[in-house]
Amino acid sequence: METTLEKAVEHWDMVAPMITTPQTAEDYDLLLANFEQAMMLFGNRGNGPLTGLINAMSNAAKQYEGKVTNELKGTGLDALRYLIKLHQIQQSNLKEIGSQGVVSEILNGKRSLTLRHVRALAKRFNVSPSTFIDD
């Protein structure tokens, strides 16, 4: 008589990719497609036969998303540069920070943003103050 573990090992090559943290965007897309399919088949059944698999797939997706988010996260200065470019703002138009010379020093990394700068920039760009604060 075959044990449950032996049955799992027999099918592990098919299951493992569904619960392993994706390493590429393609792996992630495949995981999400499988997750959505599993949810459509069994998602509304509470403690259905695939609840553990669905939870493991969700955790694998979260791990990948966390990894990608951390890799993409820049500094507060990067965020400021991006917002300036996005809104096509000239240094001289950032009066919230100070003179054009002060803005230039901040953008060149010679001077740091102060709390007053952070609050003013957050208000101007309608973003969280944490956008401009490095971890």
N, C-alpha and C. Protein backbone atom coordinates (compact mmCIF):
# COMPACT_ATOMS: atom_id res chain seq x y z
N MET A 1 0.84 -1.18 0.00
CA MET A 1 0.00 0.00 0.00
C MET A 1 0.89 1.25 0.00
N GLU A 2 0.62 2.14 -0.92
CA GLU A 2 1.42 3.35 -1.08
C GLU A 2 0.99 4.39 -0.04
N THR A 3 1.98 5.01 0.64
CA THR A 3 1.68 6.02 1.66
C THR A 3 1.38 7.36 1.00
N THR A 4 0.81 8.24 1.76
CA THR A 4 0.50 9.58 1.27
C THR A 4 1.76 10.30 0.82
N LEU A 5 2.83 10.13 1.59
CA LEU A 5 4.09 10.77 1.23
C LEU A 5 4.62 10.21 -0.08
N GLU A 6 4.53 8.92 -0.26
CA GLU A 6 4.98 8.31 -1.51
C GLU A 6 4.18 8.82 -2.69
N LYS A 7 2.89 9.03 -2.50
CA LYS A 7 2.04 9.58 -3.57
C LYS A 7 2.46 11.03 -3.87
N ALA A 8 2.75 11.77 -2.83
CA ALA A 8 3.17 13.17 -3.02
C ALA A 8 4.49 13.23 -3.77
N VAL A 9 5.43 12.39 -3.41
CA VAL A 9 6.73 12.35 -4.09
C VAL A 9 6.56 12.00 -5.56
N GLU A 10 5.64 11.09 -5.83
CA GLU A 10 5.38 10.66 -7.20
C GLU A 10 4.91 11.83 -8.08
N HIS A 11 4.19 12.78 -7.49
CA HIS A 11 3.64 13.91 -8.25
C HIS A 11 4.36 15.23 -7.96
N TRP A 12 5.44 15.17 -7.20
CA TRP A 12 6.10 16.40 -6.74
C TRP A 12 6.58 17.27 -7.89
N ASP A 13 7.06 16.69 -8.98
CA ASP A 13 7.54 17.48 -10.11
C ASP A 13 6.45 18.38 -10.68
N MET A 14 5.20 17.97 -10.53
CA MET A 14 4.09 18.78 -11.04
C MET A 14 3.65 19.83 -10.00
N VAL A 15 3.81 19.52 -8.73
CA VAL A 15 3.34 20.41 -7.67
C VAL A 15 4.39 21.47 -7.30
N ALA A 16 5.64 21.08 -7.24
CA ALA A 16 6.70 21.98 -6.76
C ALA A 16 6.72 23.33 -7.48
N PRO A 17 6.62 23.39 -8.81
CA PRO A 17 6.65 24.70 -9.46
C PRO A 17 5.51 25.63 -9.03
N MET A 18 4.42 25.05 -8.53
CA MET A 18 3.28 25.86 -8.12
C MET A 18 3.45 26.48 -6.74
N ILE A 19 4.41 25.99 -5.97
CA ILE A 19 4.58 26.52 -4.61
C ILE A 19 5.97 27.07 -4.36
N THR A 20 6.82 27.03 -5.38
CA THR A 20 8.17 27.55 -5.26
C THR A 20 8.16 29.04 -5.58
N THR A 21 8.92 29.82 -4.84
CA THR A 21 9.00 31.26 -5.10
C THR A 21 9.53 31.48 -6.51
N PRO A 22 8.79 32.21 -7.33
CA PRO A 22 9.24 32.47 -8.71
C PRO A 22 10.57 33.22 -8.73
N GLN A 23 11.36 32.93 -9.75
CA GLN A 23 12.64 33.62 -9.92
C GLN A 23 12.60 34.63 -11.05
N THR A 24 11.62 34.50 -11.94
CA THR A 24 11.50 35.41 -13.08
C THR A 24 10.06 35.89 -13.20
N ALA A 25 9.87 36.93 -13.99
CA ALA A 25 8.53 37.44 -14.24
C ALA A 25 7.66 36.39 -14.91
N GLU A 26 8.26 35.58 -15.77
CA GLU A 26 7.52 34.52 -16.45
C GLU A 26 7.04 33.47 -15.45
N ASP A 27 7.92 33.09 -14.53
CA ASP A 27 7.54 32.13 -13.47
C ASP A 27 6.39 32.70 -12.65
N TYR A 28 6.48 33.99 -12.34
CA TYR A 28 5.45 34.66 -11.55
C TYR A 28 4.12 34.67 -12.28
N ASP A 29 4.14 34.99 -13.58
CA ASP A 29 2.91 34.99 -14.37
C ASP A 29 2.27 33.61 -14.39
N LEU A 30 3.09 32.57 -14.53
CA LEU A 30 2.57 31.20 -14.53
C LEU A 30 1.97 30.85 -13.16
N LEU A 31 2.65 31.25 -12.10
CA LEU A 31 2.13 31.01 -10.75
C LEU A 31 0.78 31.68 -10.58
N LEU A 32 0.66 32.94 -11.02
CA LEU A 32 -0.61 33.65 -10.89
C LEU A 32 -1.72 32.99 -11.69
N ALA A 33 -1.39 32.51 -12.89
CA ALA A 33 -2.39 31.83 -13.72
C ALA A 33 -2.86 30.56 -13.01
N ASN A 34 -1.94 29.80 -12.47
CA ASN A 34 -2.31 28.58 -11.73
C ASN A 34 -3.10 28.91 -10.47
N PHE A 35 -2.71 29.98 -9.79
CA PHE A 35 -3.41 30.41 -8.58
C PHE A 35 -4.86 30.79 -8.91
N GLU A 36 -5.03 31.58 -9.97
CA GLU A 36 -6.38 31.99 -10.36
C GLU A 36 -7.24 30.79 -10.73
N GLN A 37 -6.65 29.83 -11.43
CA GLN A 37 -7.38 28.63 -11.80
C GLN A 37 -7.78 27.83 -10.55
N ALA A 38 -6.86 27.69 -9.61
CA ALA A 38 -7.16 26.97 -8.38
C ALA A 38 -8.25 27.68 -7.59
N MET A 39 -8.21 29.01 -7.57
CA MET A 39 -9.23 29.78 -6.86
C MET A 39 -10.61 29.59 -7.51
N MET A 40 -10.64 29.58 -8.83
CA MET A 40 -11.91 29.39 -9.52
C MET A 40 -12.48 28.00 -9.24
N LEU A 41 -11.60 27.00 -9.17
CA LEU A 41 -12.06 25.63 -8.95
C LEU A 41 -12.44 25.36 -7.50
N PHE A 42 -11.65 25.89 -6.56
CA PHE A 42 -11.82 25.50 -5.17
C PHE A 42 -11.86 26.66 -4.17
N GLY A 43 -11.70 27.88 -4.63
CA GLY A 43 -11.53 29.02 -3.72
C GLY A 43 -12.65 29.30 -2.77
N ASN A 44 -13.87 28.99 -3.14
CA ASN A 44 -15.02 29.34 -2.29
C ASN A 44 -15.45 28.20 -1.36
N ARG A 45 -14.61 27.21 -1.19
CA ARG A 45 -15.00 26.05 -0.40
C ARG A 45 -14.38 26.03 0.99
N GLY A 46 -13.88 27.15 1.47
CA GLY A 46 -13.33 27.18 2.83
C GLY A 46 -12.14 26.27 3.00
N ASN A 47 -12.36 25.13 3.60
CA ASN A 47 -11.28 24.17 3.83
C ASN A 47 -11.35 23.03 2.82
N GLY A 48 -11.32 23.39 1.55
CA GLY A 48 -11.38 22.41 0.48
C GLY A 48 -10.09 21.63 0.35
N PRO A 49 -10.06 20.70 -0.59
CA PRO A 49 -8.89 19.84 -0.73
C PRO A 49 -7.63 20.56 -1.17
N LEU A 50 -7.75 21.74 -1.76
CA LEU A 50 -6.57 22.46 -2.23
C LEU A 50 -6.27 23.72 -1.41
N THR A 51 -6.87 23.84 -0.25
CA THR A 51 -6.64 25.03 0.58
C THR A 51 -5.15 25.21 0.88
N GLY A 52 -4.47 24.16 1.25
CA GLY A 52 -3.03 24.24 1.55
C GLY A 52 -2.23 24.65 0.33
N LEU A 53 -2.58 24.09 -0.83
CA LEU A 53 -1.90 24.45 -2.07
C LEU A 53 -2.13 25.92 -2.42
N ILE A 54 -3.37 26.38 -2.29
CA ILE A 54 -3.70 27.77 -2.58
C ILE A 54 -2.93 28.70 -1.64
N ASN A 55 -2.85 28.35 -0.36
CA ASN A 55 -2.09 29.16 0.60
C ASN A 55 -0.61 29.19 0.25
N ALA A 56 -0.06 28.04 -0.13
CA ALA A 56 1.36 27.98 -0.50
C ALA A 56 1.63 28.80 -1.76
N MET A 57 0.71 28.75 -2.72
CA MET A 57 0.87 29.54 -3.94
C MET A 57 0.82 31.03 -3.62
N SER A 58 -0.10 31.41 -2.75
CA SER A 58 -0.21 32.81 -2.33
C SER A 58 1.07 33.28 -1.65
N ASN A 59 1.61 32.46 -0.77
CA ASN A 59 2.86 32.81 -0.07
C ASN A 59 4.03 32.94 -1.05
N ALA A 60 4.09 32.05 -2.04
CA ALA A 60 5.16 32.11 -3.04
C ALA A 60 5.06 33.41 -3.84
N ALA A 61 3.83 33.79 -4.20
CA ALA A 61 3.62 35.03 -4.95
C ALA A 61 4.03 36.24 -4.10
N LYS A 62 3.66 36.23 -2.82
CA LYS A 62 4.01 37.34 -1.92
C LYS A 62 5.52 37.46 -1.76
N GLN A 63 6.20 36.33 -1.68
CA GLN A 63 7.66 36.37 -1.54
C GLN A 63 8.30 37.00 -2.78
N TYR A 64 7.83 36.62 -3.94
CA TYR A 64 8.36 37.20 -5.19
C TYR A 64 8.06 38.69 -5.25
N GLU A 65 6.83 39.07 -4.92
CA GLU A 65 6.45 40.49 -4.96
C GLU A 65 7.29 41.31 -3.99
N GLY A 66 7.55 40.76 -2.81
CA GLY A 66 8.39 41.46 -1.84
C GLY A 66 9.81 41.63 -2.35
N LYS A 67 10.34 40.59 -2.98
CA LYS A 67 11.69 40.65 -3.53
C LYS A 67 11.78 41.69 -4.64
N VAL A 68 10.81 41.68 -5.54
CA VAL A 68 10.81 42.63 -6.66
C VAL A 68 10.62 44.05 -6.15
N THR A 69 9.73 44.23 -5.19
CA THR A 69 9.50 45.56 -4.64
C THR A 69 10.76 46.11 -4.00
N ASN A 70 11.48 45.29 -3.25
CA ASN A 70 12.72 45.74 -2.62
C ASN A 70 13.78 46.10 -3.65
N GLU A 71 13.83 45.34 -4.75
CA GLU A 71 14.82 45.62 -5.79
C GLU A 71 14.50 46.92 -6.52
N LEU A 72 13.21 47.23 -6.65
CA LEU A 72 12.80 48.42 -7.40
C LEU A 72 12.83 49.68 -6.56
N LYS A 73 12.85 49.52 -5.25
CA LYS A 73 12.77 50.68 -4.38
C LYS A 73 14.03 51.52 -4.47
N GLY A 74 13.83 52.79 -4.69
CA GLY A 74 14.96 53.71 -4.76
C GLY A 74 15.04 54.53 -3.50
N THR A 75 15.78 55.60 -3.56
CA THR A 75 15.93 56.50 -2.43
C THR A 75 14.93 57.63 -2.52
N GLY A 76 14.84 58.41 -1.47
CA GLY A 76 13.99 59.59 -1.49
C GLY A 76 14.43 60.57 -2.57
N LEU A 77 15.74 60.66 -2.77
CA LEU A 77 16.27 61.54 -3.80
C LEU A 77 15.88 61.03 -5.19
N ASP A 78 15.90 59.71 -5.38
CA ASP A 78 15.45 59.13 -6.64
C ASP A 78 13.98 59.49 -6.90
N ALA A 79 13.17 59.41 -5.86
CA ALA A 79 11.75 59.74 -5.99
C ALA A 79 11.58 61.21 -6.38
N LEU A 80 12.34 62.09 -5.74
CA LEU A 80 12.26 63.51 -6.06
C LEU A 80 12.66 63.76 -7.51
N ARG A 81 13.75 63.16 -7.92
CA ARG A 81 14.20 63.33 -9.32
C ARG A 81 13.13 62.83 -10.29
N TYR A 82 12.54 61.70 -9.98
CA TYR A 82 11.50 61.14 -10.84
C TYR A 82 10.29 62.07 -10.93
N LEU A 83 9.85 62.59 -9.79
CA LEU A 83 8.68 63.47 -9.78
C LEU A 83 8.96 64.78 -10.51
N ILE A 84 10.17 65.30 -10.38
CA ILE A 84 10.55 66.51 -11.10
C ILE A 84 10.48 66.25 -12.61
N LYS A 85 11.02 65.12 -13.03
CA LYS A 85 11.00 64.78 -14.45
C LYS A 85 9.57 64.52 -14.93
N LEU A 86 8.81 63.78 -14.15
CA LEU A 86 7.43 63.45 -14.51
C LEU A 86 6.57 64.70 -14.70
N HIS A 87 6.74 65.66 -13.80
CA HIS A 87 5.94 66.88 -13.84
C HIS A 87 6.62 68.01 -14.64
N GLN A 88 7.77 67.69 -15.20
CA GLN A 88 8.53 68.65 -16.02
C GLN A 88 8.72 69.98 -15.29
N ILE A 89 9.28 69.86 -14.09
CA ILE A 89 9.50 71.02 -13.23
C ILE A 89 10.94 71.46 -13.32
N GLN A 90 11.16 72.76 -13.38
CA GLN A 90 12.50 73.33 -13.35
C GLN A 90 12.92 73.50 -11.89
N GLN A 91 14.21 73.42 -11.64
CA GLN A 91 14.72 73.59 -10.28
C GLN A 91 14.25 74.91 -9.67
N SER A 92 14.19 75.93 -10.47
CA SER A 92 13.80 77.25 -9.97
C SER A 92 12.33 77.28 -9.54
N ASN A 93 11.56 76.29 -9.93
CA ASN A 93 10.14 76.24 -9.57
C ASN A 93 9.88 75.43 -8.30
N LEU A 94 10.93 74.98 -7.65
CA LEU A 94 10.77 74.23 -6.41
C LEU A 94 11.03 75.14 -5.21
N LYS A 95 10.25 76.17 -5.11
CA LYS A 95 10.41 77.16 -4.03
C LYS A 95 10.20 76.52 -2.65
N GLU A 96 9.49 75.37 -2.60
CA GLU A 96 9.25 74.68 -1.32
C GLU A 96 10.56 74.29 -0.66
N ILE A 97 11.56 74.02 -1.48
CA ILE A 97 12.85 73.57 -0.96
C ILE A 97 13.75 74.75 -0.65
N GLY A 98 13.71 75.75 -1.48
CA GLY A 98 14.56 76.92 -1.29
C GLY A 98 15.00 77.47 -2.63
N SER A 99 16.13 78.12 -2.61
CA SER A 99 16.65 78.73 -3.83
C SER A 99 17.07 77.66 -4.83
N GLN A 100 17.32 78.08 -6.05
CA GLN A 100 17.76 77.14 -7.07
C GLN A 100 19.08 76.50 -6.66
N GLY A 101 19.93 77.23 -5.96
CA GLY A 101 21.20 76.69 -5.49
C GLY A 101 21.00 75.57 -4.47
N VAL A 102 20.07 75.75 -3.56
CA VAL A 102 19.77 74.72 -2.56
C VAL A 102 19.20 73.48 -3.25
N VAL A 103 18.28 73.71 -4.18
CA VAL A 103 17.67 72.59 -4.92
C VAL A 103 18.77 71.82 -5.66
N SER A 104 19.67 72.54 -6.29
CA SER A 104 20.76 71.91 -7.02
C SER A 104 21.64 71.08 -6.10
N GLU A 105 21.97 71.61 -4.92
CA GLU A 105 22.79 70.87 -3.96
C GLU A 105 22.09 69.59 -3.51
N ILE A 106 20.78 69.66 -3.30
CA ILE A 106 20.02 68.48 -2.88
C ILE A 106 20.00 67.44 -4.00
N LEU A 107 19.72 67.89 -5.21
CA LEU A 107 19.65 66.96 -6.33
C LEU A 107 20.99 66.34 -6.67
N ASN A 108 22.07 67.02 -6.33
CA ASN A 108 23.42 66.49 -6.55
C ASN A 108 23.96 65.71 -5.35
N GLY A 109 23.12 65.55 -4.32
CA GLY A 109 23.51 64.77 -3.16
C GLY A 109 24.45 65.47 -2.21
N LYS A 110 24.63 66.78 -2.36
CA LYS A 110 25.53 67.52 -1.48
C LYS A 110 24.82 68.01 -0.23
N ARG A 111 23.50 67.96 -0.25
CA ARG A 111 22.71 68.42 0.88
C ARG A 111 21.52 67.47 1.01
N SER A 112 21.07 67.24 2.22
CA SER A 112 19.93 66.34 2.47
C SER A 112 18.63 67.11 2.58
N LEU A 113 17.55 66.41 2.29
CA LEU A 113 16.23 67.00 2.51
C LEU A 113 15.98 67.11 4.01
N THR A 114 15.40 68.21 4.42
CA THR A 114 15.01 68.37 5.82
C THR A 114 13.57 67.92 5.98
N LEU A 115 13.12 67.84 7.21
CA LEU A 115 11.74 67.47 7.47
C LEU A 115 10.78 68.48 6.84
N ARG A 116 11.15 69.76 6.88
CA ARG A 116 10.32 70.80 6.26
C ARG A 116 10.22 70.56 4.76
N HIS A 117 11.35 70.22 4.13
CA HIS A 117 11.36 69.93 2.69
C HIS A 117 10.44 68.75 2.38
N VAL A 118 10.58 67.70 3.17
CA VAL A 118 9.80 66.47 2.95
C VAL A 118 8.31 66.76 3.02
N ARG A 119 7.90 67.49 4.04
CA ARG A 119 6.47 67.83 4.19
C ARG A 119 5.97 68.67 3.01
N ALA A 120 6.75 69.65 2.62
CA ALA A 120 6.35 70.52 1.52
C ALA A 120 6.28 69.76 0.19
N LEU A 121 7.25 68.90 -0.05
CA LEU A 121 7.26 68.12 -1.29
C LEU A 121 6.11 67.12 -1.33
N ALA A 122 5.84 66.50 -0.19
CA ALA A 122 4.72 65.55 -0.11
C ALA A 122 3.41 66.25 -0.44
N LYS A 123 3.25 67.44 0.07
CA LYS A 123 2.03 68.21 -0.20
C LYS A 123 1.97 68.61 -1.68
N ARG A 124 3.07 69.09 -2.21
CA ARG A 124 3.09 69.54 -3.61
C ARG A 124 2.78 68.41 -4.58
N PHE A 125 3.39 67.24 -4.35
CA PHE A 125 3.23 66.13 -5.28
C PHE A 125 2.10 65.17 -4.88
N ASN A 126 1.44 65.47 -3.76
CA ASN A 126 0.34 64.66 -3.28
C ASN A 126 0.76 63.19 -3.08
N VAL A 127 1.87 63.01 -2.38
CA VAL A 127 2.38 61.68 -2.07
C VAL A 127 2.65 61.61 -0.56
N SER A 128 2.89 60.42 -0.08
CA SER A 128 3.23 60.24 1.32
C SER A 128 4.60 60.84 1.60
N PRO A 129 4.79 61.46 2.76
CA PRO A 129 6.12 61.96 3.11
C PRO A 129 7.19 60.86 3.09
N SER A 130 6.77 59.61 3.35
CA SER A 130 7.74 58.51 3.34
C SER A 130 8.38 58.29 1.96
N THR A 131 7.78 58.85 0.93
CA THR A 131 8.34 58.76 -0.42
C THR A 131 9.74 59.35 -0.45
N PHE A 132 9.98 60.36 0.36
CA PHE A 132 11.25 61.09 0.33
C PHE A 132 12.20 60.70 1.47
N ILE A 133 11.80 59.71 2.26
CA ILE A 133 12.62 59.31 3.41
C ILE A 133 13.19 57.94 3.12
N ASP A 134 14.51 57.83 3.25
CA ASP A 134 15.18 56.55 3.03
C ASP A 134 15.06 55.68 4.26
N ASP A 135 14.94 54.37 4.05
CA ASP A 135 14.85 53.43 5.17
C ASP A 135 16.17 53.27 5.87
